[in-house]
Amino acid sequence: MGAWQLLMVGLVMLLGLVGVLLPGVPGPWLVWAAMLWWSMHVQSGLAWVLLVGSTVVLLVNQAVVWLLPPRRVRGVGVTRRMAVFAGAGALVGFFLLPVLGAIPGFIGGIYGSERHRLGGHGPAVTSTRAVMRAVGTSVLVELFGCLLVVGAWLGAVFWG
């Protein structure tokens, strides 16, 4: 696979990660489609294992998201800025503490956004709890599954 195709697969995966945070964009499907494209072109044993593994992870991910309570965005105060902070926090946490760091990074991003908006620790903690109860858990589960797939792909590209 050439460098340009590899770059395009990476960009589609990045779009899928951003799509998890944006309503109406099928983030996990984009990540899976990029993995499928890469596997079809590389055609190695590792590529097929990653395709099957990512399919299982994303299917289990969707089942868990469906079992969670529905998202209640209205009335909680979720903004685009908060989504950007949460996504950036998850990405930073994912790379600082591989895989597991995405969870505290996501929550820390929400807290940072709320701390900036509200100005104090107490109101920011209260708002972060409310956001996590309303929408954060389902978004976090979906983002975590996609980050696992992207992380496995990055590992295969760089070290496989």
N, C-alpha and C. Protein backbone atom coordinates (compact mmCIF):
# COMPACT_ATOMS: atom_id res chain seq x y z
N MET A 1 0.85 -1.17 0.00
CA MET A 1 0.00 0.00 0.00
C MET A 1 0.89 1.23 0.00
N GLY A 2 0.59 2.17 -0.87
CA GLY A 2 1.40 3.37 -0.99
C GLY A 2 1.16 4.35 0.15
N ALA A 3 2.04 5.32 0.22
CA ALA A 3 1.96 6.31 1.30
C ALA A 3 0.68 7.14 1.21
N TRP A 4 0.24 7.47 -0.02
CA TRP A 4 -0.97 8.28 -0.18
C TRP A 4 -2.20 7.51 0.28
N GLN A 5 -2.28 6.23 -0.07
CA GLN A 5 -3.42 5.43 0.37
C GLN A 5 -3.41 5.26 1.88
N LEU A 6 -2.23 5.08 2.45
CA LEU A 6 -2.10 4.97 3.90
C LEU A 6 -2.55 6.26 4.58
N LEU A 7 -2.18 7.38 4.00
CA LEU A 7 -2.60 8.68 4.52
C LEU A 7 -4.11 8.83 4.44
N MET A 8 -4.70 8.40 3.33
CA MET A 8 -6.16 8.50 3.18
C MET A 8 -6.88 7.61 4.19
N VAL A 9 -6.37 6.40 4.42
CA VAL A 9 -6.97 5.52 5.42
C VAL A 9 -6.90 6.19 6.79
N GLY A 10 -5.76 6.78 7.12
CA GLY A 10 -5.61 7.48 8.39
C GLY A 10 -6.55 8.66 8.51
N LEU A 11 -6.75 9.41 7.43
CA LEU A 11 -7.66 10.55 7.47
C LEU A 11 -9.11 10.11 7.63
N VAL A 12 -9.49 9.02 6.99
CA VAL A 12 -10.86 8.51 7.17
C VAL A 12 -11.05 8.03 8.61
N MET A 13 -10.03 7.40 9.18
CA MET A 13 -10.14 6.99 10.59
C MET A 13 -10.24 8.21 11.50
N LEU A 14 -9.47 9.25 11.22
CA LEU A 14 -9.56 10.47 12.00
C LEU A 14 -10.94 11.10 11.85
N LEU A 15 -11.50 11.10 10.65
CA LEU A 15 -12.85 11.61 10.44
C LEU A 15 -13.86 10.78 11.23
N GLY A 16 -13.64 9.47 11.30
CA GLY A 16 -14.51 8.62 12.10
C GLY A 16 -14.44 8.95 13.58
N LEU A 17 -13.23 9.24 14.09
CA LEU A 17 -13.09 9.62 15.49
C LEU A 17 -13.80 10.94 15.78
N VAL A 18 -13.67 11.90 14.86
CA VAL A 18 -14.39 13.16 15.01
C VAL A 18 -15.89 12.93 14.87
N GLY A 19 -16.26 12.00 14.01
CA GLY A 19 -17.67 11.69 13.80
C GLY A 19 -18.36 11.13 15.02
N VAL A 20 -17.62 10.51 15.90
CA VAL A 20 -18.22 10.02 17.15
C VAL A 20 -18.73 11.19 17.97
N LEU A 21 -18.02 12.30 17.91
CA LEU A 21 -18.38 13.48 18.71
C LEU A 21 -19.44 14.34 18.04
N LEU A 22 -19.67 14.18 16.75
CA LEU A 22 -20.65 14.98 16.03
C LEU A 22 -21.91 14.17 15.76
N PRO A 23 -23.07 14.70 16.11
CA PRO A 23 -24.30 13.96 15.83
C PRO A 23 -24.54 13.86 14.32
N GLY A 24 -24.99 12.72 13.90
CA GLY A 24 -25.31 12.51 12.50
C GLY A 24 -24.18 11.95 11.65
N VAL A 25 -22.98 11.92 12.17
CA VAL A 25 -21.85 11.36 11.41
C VAL A 25 -21.58 9.96 11.94
N PRO A 26 -21.58 8.95 11.07
CA PRO A 26 -21.40 7.57 11.53
C PRO A 26 -19.93 7.25 11.81
N GLY A 27 -19.43 7.68 12.95
CA GLY A 27 -18.02 7.52 13.29
C GLY A 27 -17.52 6.09 13.26
N PRO A 28 -18.16 5.15 13.99
CA PRO A 28 -17.66 3.77 13.98
C PRO A 28 -17.69 3.13 12.60
N TRP A 29 -18.68 3.47 11.80
CA TRP A 29 -18.74 2.91 10.45
C TRP A 29 -17.60 3.42 9.59
N LEU A 30 -17.23 4.67 9.74
CA LEU A 30 -16.10 5.20 8.98
C LEU A 30 -14.79 4.54 9.40
N VAL A 31 -14.62 4.35 10.70
CA VAL A 31 -13.40 3.68 11.19
C VAL A 31 -13.35 2.26 10.65
N TRP A 32 -14.47 1.55 10.69
CA TRP A 32 -14.50 0.17 10.21
C TRP A 32 -14.25 0.12 8.69
N ALA A 33 -14.85 1.05 7.95
CA ALA A 33 -14.66 1.07 6.50
C ALA A 33 -13.20 1.33 6.14
N ALA A 34 -12.54 2.21 6.89
CA ALA A 34 -11.12 2.46 6.64
C ALA A 34 -10.30 1.21 6.94
N MET A 35 -10.64 0.51 8.01
CA MET A 35 -9.94 -0.74 8.34
C MET A 35 -10.16 -1.78 7.25
N LEU A 36 -11.37 -1.87 6.73
CA LEU A 36 -11.68 -2.80 5.64
C LEU A 36 -10.86 -2.46 4.40
N TRP A 37 -10.80 -1.19 4.05
CA TRP A 37 -10.03 -0.75 2.87
C TRP A 37 -8.56 -1.13 3.03
N TRP A 38 -8.01 -0.86 4.21
CA TRP A 38 -6.61 -1.17 4.46
C TRP A 38 -6.37 -2.69 4.38
N SER A 39 -7.25 -3.46 5.00
CA SER A 39 -7.09 -4.93 5.01
C SER A 39 -7.18 -5.51 3.60
N MET A 40 -8.09 -4.96 2.79
CA MET A 40 -8.25 -5.48 1.43
C MET A 40 -7.02 -5.20 0.57
N HIS A 41 -6.31 -4.12 0.87
CA HIS A 41 -5.13 -3.79 0.08
C HIS A 41 -3.86 -4.45 0.61
N VAL A 42 -3.75 -4.61 1.91
CA VAL A 42 -2.54 -5.20 2.48
C VAL A 42 -2.58 -6.72 2.34
N GLN A 43 -3.70 -7.32 2.62
CA GLN A 43 -3.93 -8.77 2.50
C GLN A 43 -2.84 -9.61 3.18
N SER A 44 -2.61 -9.30 4.43
CA SER A 44 -1.69 -10.12 5.22
C SER A 44 -2.49 -10.76 6.36
N GLY A 45 -1.87 -11.69 7.02
CA GLY A 45 -2.54 -12.33 8.15
C GLY A 45 -2.89 -11.34 9.24
N LEU A 46 -1.97 -10.42 9.52
CA LEU A 46 -2.21 -9.40 10.54
C LEU A 46 -3.37 -8.50 10.14
N ALA A 47 -3.45 -8.15 8.87
CA ALA A 47 -4.53 -7.28 8.41
C ALA A 47 -5.89 -7.95 8.58
N TRP A 48 -5.97 -9.25 8.28
CA TRP A 48 -7.25 -9.95 8.43
C TRP A 48 -7.62 -10.11 9.90
N VAL A 49 -6.63 -10.37 10.74
CA VAL A 49 -6.90 -10.48 12.18
C VAL A 49 -7.41 -9.14 12.71
N LEU A 50 -6.79 -8.04 12.29
CA LEU A 50 -7.24 -6.73 12.72
C LEU A 50 -8.64 -6.41 12.21
N LEU A 51 -8.96 -6.81 10.99
CA LEU A 51 -10.30 -6.57 10.46
C LEU A 51 -11.35 -7.33 11.26
N VAL A 52 -11.08 -8.59 11.53
CA VAL A 52 -12.02 -9.39 12.33
C VAL A 52 -12.12 -8.84 13.75
N GLY A 53 -10.99 -8.51 14.34
CA GLY A 53 -10.99 -7.96 15.69
C GLY A 53 -11.71 -6.63 15.77
N SER A 54 -11.49 -5.75 14.80
CA SER A 54 -12.17 -4.47 14.82
C SER A 54 -13.67 -4.64 14.59
N THR A 55 -14.06 -5.60 13.78
CA THR A 55 -15.48 -5.87 13.58
C THR A 55 -16.13 -6.31 14.88
N VAL A 56 -15.47 -7.21 15.59
CA VAL A 56 -16.01 -7.68 16.87
C VAL A 56 -16.07 -6.53 17.88
N VAL A 57 -15.00 -5.76 17.98
CA VAL A 57 -14.96 -4.65 18.94
C VAL A 57 -16.07 -3.65 18.64
N LEU A 58 -16.25 -3.29 17.39
CA LEU A 58 -17.25 -2.28 17.05
C LEU A 58 -18.68 -2.82 17.17
N LEU A 59 -18.90 -4.10 16.93
CA LEU A 59 -20.23 -4.67 17.14
C LEU A 59 -20.57 -4.74 18.62
N VAL A 60 -19.62 -5.17 19.43
CA VAL A 60 -19.85 -5.18 20.88
C VAL A 60 -20.05 -3.76 21.38
N ASN A 61 -19.28 -2.84 20.83
CA ASN A 61 -19.40 -1.43 21.18
C ASN A 61 -20.81 -0.93 20.91
N GLN A 62 -21.35 -1.24 19.75
CA GLN A 62 -22.70 -0.79 19.41
C GLN A 62 -23.74 -1.43 20.33
N ALA A 63 -23.56 -2.69 20.67
CA ALA A 63 -24.49 -3.35 21.59
C ALA A 63 -24.48 -2.67 22.96
N VAL A 64 -23.30 -2.31 23.43
CA VAL A 64 -23.20 -1.64 24.74
C VAL A 64 -23.85 -0.27 24.67
N VAL A 65 -23.63 0.47 23.58
CA VAL A 65 -24.24 1.80 23.43
C VAL A 65 -25.76 1.68 23.41
N TRP A 66 -26.29 0.66 22.75
CA TRP A 66 -27.74 0.49 22.71
C TRP A 66 -28.31 0.14 24.07
N LEU A 67 -27.53 -0.53 24.91
CA LEU A 67 -28.00 -0.90 26.24
C LEU A 67 -27.97 0.26 27.23
N LEU A 68 -27.18 1.28 26.93
CA LEU A 68 -27.11 2.45 27.80
C LEU A 68 -28.37 3.29 27.65
N PRO A 69 -28.68 4.11 28.65
CA PRO A 69 -29.86 4.99 28.52
C PRO A 69 -29.69 5.93 27.32
N PRO A 70 -30.79 6.36 26.72
CA PRO A 70 -30.68 7.23 25.54
C PRO A 70 -30.06 8.58 25.89
N ARG A 71 -29.45 9.18 24.87
CA ARG A 71 -28.80 10.47 25.06
C ARG A 71 -29.87 11.56 25.26
N ARG A 72 -29.64 12.38 26.27
CA ARG A 72 -30.55 13.49 26.55
C ARG A 72 -29.73 14.78 26.50
N VAL A 73 -29.52 15.29 25.30
CA VAL A 73 -28.62 16.42 25.10
C VAL A 73 -29.24 17.73 25.57
N ARG A 74 -30.51 17.89 25.35
CA ARG A 74 -31.16 19.16 25.67
C ARG A 74 -31.22 19.36 27.18
N GLY A 75 -30.96 20.58 27.59
CA GLY A 75 -31.08 20.93 29.00
C GLY A 75 -29.83 20.68 29.83
N VAL A 76 -28.82 20.05 29.26
CA VAL A 76 -27.61 19.76 30.02
C VAL A 76 -26.53 20.80 29.77
N GLY A 77 -26.55 21.41 28.60
CA GLY A 77 -25.57 22.43 28.29
C GLY A 77 -24.39 21.93 27.49
N VAL A 78 -24.59 20.88 26.71
CA VAL A 78 -23.51 20.35 25.86
C VAL A 78 -23.31 21.30 24.68
N THR A 79 -22.09 21.75 24.50
CA THR A 79 -21.77 22.68 23.41
C THR A 79 -20.73 22.05 22.49
N ARG A 80 -20.52 22.68 21.36
CA ARG A 80 -19.48 22.21 20.44
C ARG A 80 -18.10 22.35 21.07
N ARG A 81 -17.91 23.40 21.82
CA ARG A 81 -16.63 23.60 22.50
C ARG A 81 -16.35 22.45 23.45
N MET A 82 -17.37 22.02 24.17
CA MET A 82 -17.20 20.91 25.10
C MET A 82 -16.84 19.63 24.35
N ALA A 83 -17.49 19.40 23.22
CA ALA A 83 -17.18 18.21 22.42
C ALA A 83 -15.74 18.24 21.93
N VAL A 84 -15.27 19.41 21.53
CA VAL A 84 -13.88 19.54 21.07
C VAL A 84 -12.92 19.28 22.23
N PHE A 85 -13.19 19.87 23.39
CA PHE A 85 -12.34 19.66 24.56
C PHE A 85 -12.34 18.18 24.96
N ALA A 86 -13.51 17.55 24.97
CA ALA A 86 -13.60 16.14 25.37
C ALA A 86 -12.86 15.25 24.38
N GLY A 87 -13.04 15.50 23.10
CA GLY A 87 -12.34 14.71 22.09
C GLY A 87 -10.83 14.90 22.15
N ALA A 88 -10.40 16.14 22.31
CA ALA A 88 -8.96 16.41 22.41
C ALA A 88 -8.38 15.77 23.67
N GLY A 89 -9.12 15.85 24.77
CA GLY A 89 -8.67 15.22 26.01
C GLY A 89 -8.54 13.71 25.87
N ALA A 90 -9.51 13.10 25.17
CA ALA A 90 -9.46 11.65 24.96
C ALA A 90 -8.26 11.26 24.10
N LEU A 91 -8.00 12.04 23.05
CA LEU A 91 -6.85 11.73 22.19
C LEU A 91 -5.53 11.90 22.93
N VAL A 92 -5.41 12.97 23.70
CA VAL A 92 -4.18 13.19 24.47
C VAL A 92 -4.00 12.08 25.50
N GLY A 93 -5.08 11.77 26.21
CA GLY A 93 -5.00 10.71 27.20
C GLY A 93 -4.67 9.36 26.59
N PHE A 94 -5.21 9.12 25.38
CA PHE A 94 -4.97 7.85 24.68
C PHE A 94 -3.49 7.67 24.37
N PHE A 95 -2.80 8.76 24.04
CA PHE A 95 -1.38 8.65 23.70
C PHE A 95 -0.47 8.78 24.92
N LEU A 96 -0.90 9.49 25.95
CA LEU A 96 -0.07 9.60 27.16
C LEU A 96 -0.06 8.30 27.96
N LEU A 97 -1.23 7.70 28.11
CA LEU A 97 -1.37 6.41 28.79
C LEU A 97 -2.11 5.52 27.82
N PRO A 98 -1.38 4.77 27.00
CA PRO A 98 -2.01 4.07 25.88
C PRO A 98 -3.30 3.34 26.25
N VAL A 99 -4.29 3.55 25.44
CA VAL A 99 -5.63 2.99 25.47
C VAL A 99 -6.43 3.48 26.68
N LEU A 100 -6.04 3.13 27.88
CA LEU A 100 -6.84 3.45 29.06
C LEU A 100 -6.87 4.94 29.38
N GLY A 101 -5.90 5.69 28.92
CA GLY A 101 -5.85 7.12 29.19
C GLY A 101 -6.95 7.91 28.50
N ALA A 102 -7.64 7.29 27.54
CA ALA A 102 -8.73 7.98 26.83
C ALA A 102 -9.88 8.31 27.78
N ILE A 103 -10.12 7.47 28.75
CA ILE A 103 -11.25 7.69 29.65
C ILE A 103 -11.04 8.91 30.54
N PRO A 104 -9.94 8.98 31.32
CA PRO A 104 -9.76 10.20 32.11
C PRO A 104 -9.51 11.43 31.24
N GLY A 105 -8.94 11.25 30.06
CA GLY A 105 -8.74 12.38 29.17
C GLY A 105 -10.06 12.96 28.69
N PHE A 106 -11.02 12.10 28.37
CA PHE A 106 -12.34 12.53 27.93
C PHE A 106 -13.05 13.31 29.05
N ILE A 107 -13.04 12.73 30.24
CA ILE A 107 -13.70 13.39 31.37
C ILE A 107 -12.97 14.68 31.73
N GLY A 108 -11.64 14.66 31.68
CA GLY A 108 -10.87 15.86 31.94
C GLY A 108 -11.13 16.96 30.92
N GLY A 109 -11.36 16.58 29.68
CA GLY A 109 -11.69 17.57 28.65
C GLY A 109 -13.03 18.24 28.93
N ILE A 110 -14.01 17.45 29.36
CA ILE A 110 -15.31 18.02 29.72
C ILE A 110 -15.14 18.95 30.92
N TYR A 111 -14.39 18.49 31.93
CA TYR A 111 -14.16 19.32 33.11
C TYR A 111 -13.45 20.62 32.74
N GLY A 112 -12.43 20.54 31.89
CA GLY A 112 -11.70 21.74 31.48
C GLY A 112 -12.60 22.74 30.76
N SER A 113 -13.47 22.23 29.90
CA SER A 113 -14.39 23.10 29.19
C SER A 113 -15.35 23.77 30.17
N GLU A 114 -15.86 23.00 31.10
CA GLU A 114 -16.80 23.55 32.08
C GLU A 114 -16.11 24.49 33.06
N ARG A 115 -14.90 24.18 33.41
CA ARG A 115 -14.14 25.06 34.32
C ARG A 115 -13.90 26.42 33.64
N HIS A 116 -13.60 26.38 32.35
CA HIS A 116 -13.40 27.61 31.59
C HIS A 116 -14.71 28.39 31.48
N ARG A 117 -15.81 27.68 31.23
CA ARG A 117 -17.10 28.34 31.04
C ARG A 117 -17.68 28.87 32.34
N LEU A 118 -17.59 28.08 33.43
CA LEU A 118 -18.23 28.45 34.69
C LEU A 118 -17.31 29.18 35.66
N GLY A 119 -16.00 28.99 35.53
CA GLY A 119 -15.06 29.74 36.32
C GLY A 119 -14.65 29.14 37.65
N GLY A 120 -15.31 28.14 38.15
CA GLY A 120 -14.94 27.57 39.44
C GLY A 120 -14.94 26.06 39.44
N HIS A 121 -14.29 25.50 40.46
CA HIS A 121 -14.16 24.04 40.55
C HIS A 121 -15.50 23.37 40.87
N GLY A 122 -16.20 23.86 41.86
CA GLY A 122 -17.46 23.24 42.29
C GLY A 122 -18.51 23.17 41.18
N PRO A 123 -18.82 24.31 40.55
CA PRO A 123 -19.80 24.26 39.45
C PRO A 123 -19.32 23.40 38.28
N ALA A 124 -18.02 23.38 38.02
CA ALA A 124 -17.50 22.58 36.91
C ALA A 124 -17.66 21.09 37.19
N VAL A 125 -17.41 20.67 38.43
CA VAL A 125 -17.59 19.26 38.79
C VAL A 125 -19.05 18.86 38.68
N THR A 126 -19.95 19.70 39.17
CA THR A 126 -21.38 19.41 39.09
C THR A 126 -21.84 19.31 37.64
N SER A 127 -21.40 20.23 36.82
CA SER A 127 -21.76 20.21 35.41
C SER A 127 -21.17 19.00 34.68
N THR A 128 -19.93 18.64 35.03
CA THR A 128 -19.30 17.47 34.41
C THR A 128 -20.07 16.21 34.74
N ARG A 129 -20.50 16.08 35.98
CA ARG A 129 -21.32 14.91 36.37
C ARG A 129 -22.62 14.86 35.59
N ALA A 130 -23.28 16.01 35.45
CA ALA A 130 -24.55 16.05 34.72
C ALA A 130 -24.35 15.68 33.25
N VAL A 131 -23.29 16.18 32.65
CA VAL A 131 -23.01 15.88 31.24
C VAL A 131 -22.69 14.40 31.08
N MET A 132 -21.88 13.85 31.97
CA MET A 132 -21.52 12.43 31.87
C MET A 132 -22.75 11.54 32.04
N ARG A 133 -23.67 11.93 32.91
CA ARG A 133 -24.89 11.14 33.07
C ARG A 133 -25.76 11.22 31.83
N ALA A 134 -25.84 12.39 31.23
CA ALA A 134 -26.75 12.59 30.10
C ALA A 134 -26.22 12.00 28.80
N VAL A 135 -25.01 12.35 28.42
CA VAL A 135 -24.51 11.93 27.11
C VAL A 135 -23.11 11.35 27.14
N GLY A 136 -22.37 11.65 28.18
CA GLY A 136 -20.96 11.31 28.19
C GLY A 136 -20.65 9.83 28.14
N THR A 137 -21.45 9.03 28.82
CA THR A 137 -21.14 7.61 28.89
C THR A 137 -21.26 6.95 27.53
N SER A 138 -22.34 7.23 26.81
CA SER A 138 -22.50 6.58 25.50
C SER A 138 -21.46 7.08 24.50
N VAL A 139 -21.16 8.38 24.54
CA VAL A 139 -20.13 8.91 23.64
C VAL A 139 -18.77 8.33 24.01
N LEU A 140 -18.49 8.23 25.31
CA LEU A 140 -17.21 7.69 25.76
C LEU A 140 -17.04 6.24 25.33
N VAL A 141 -18.09 5.44 25.45
CA VAL A 141 -18.01 4.03 25.05
C VAL A 141 -17.75 3.93 23.55
N GLU A 142 -18.46 4.73 22.76
CA GLU A 142 -18.27 4.69 21.31
C GLU A 142 -16.88 5.17 20.91
N LEU A 143 -16.43 6.25 21.54
CA LEU A 143 -15.10 6.78 21.24
C LEU A 143 -14.01 5.80 21.65
N PHE A 144 -14.18 5.15 22.80
CA PHE A 144 -13.18 4.20 23.27
C PHE A 144 -13.04 3.02 22.31
N GLY A 145 -14.16 2.51 21.81
CA GLY A 145 -14.10 1.41 20.84
C GLY A 145 -13.39 1.82 19.56
N CYS A 146 -13.69 3.02 19.08
CA CYS A 146 -13.03 3.50 17.86
C CYS A 146 -11.54 3.75 18.10
N LEU A 147 -11.20 4.26 19.27
CA LEU A 147 -9.79 4.47 19.58
C LEU A 147 -9.02 3.16 19.68
N LEU A 148 -9.67 2.12 20.18
CA LEU A 148 -9.01 0.80 20.21
C LEU A 148 -8.69 0.33 18.80
N VAL A 149 -9.64 0.49 17.89
CA VAL A 149 -9.43 0.05 16.50
C VAL A 149 -8.33 0.89 15.85
N VAL A 150 -8.39 2.20 16.01
CA VAL A 150 -7.38 3.07 15.41
C VAL A 150 -6.00 2.80 16.01
N GLY A 151 -5.95 2.58 17.32
CA GLY A 151 -4.68 2.26 17.96
C GLY A 151 -4.08 0.96 17.46
N ALA A 152 -4.93 -0.05 17.27
CA ALA A 152 -4.44 -1.32 16.73
C ALA A 152 -3.93 -1.14 15.30
N TRP A 153 -4.64 -0.34 14.52
CA TRP A 153 -4.20 -0.08 13.14
C TRP A 153 -2.87 0.65 13.13
N LEU A 154 -2.75 1.68 13.98
CA LEU A 154 -1.47 2.41 14.04
C LEU A 154 -0.33 1.49 14.46
N GLY A 155 -0.59 0.61 15.42
CA GLY A 155 0.43 -0.34 15.84
C GLY A 155 0.84 -1.26 14.71
N ALA A 156 -0.14 -1.72 13.92
CA ALA A 156 0.16 -2.61 12.80
C ALA A 156 0.92 -1.88 11.70
N VAL A 157 0.59 -0.64 11.47
CA VAL A 157 1.27 0.12 10.41
C VAL A 157 2.71 0.42 10.80
N PHE A 158 2.94 0.84 12.04
CA PHE A 158 4.28 1.25 12.46
C PHE A 158 5.17 0.08 12.86
N TRP A 159 4.59 -0.94 13.51
CA TRP A 159 5.44 -2.03 14.02
C TRP A 159 5.15 -3.38 13.36
N GLY A 160 4.11 -3.46 12.54
CA GLY A 160 3.74 -4.74 11.95
C GLY A 160 4.36 -4.88 10.63
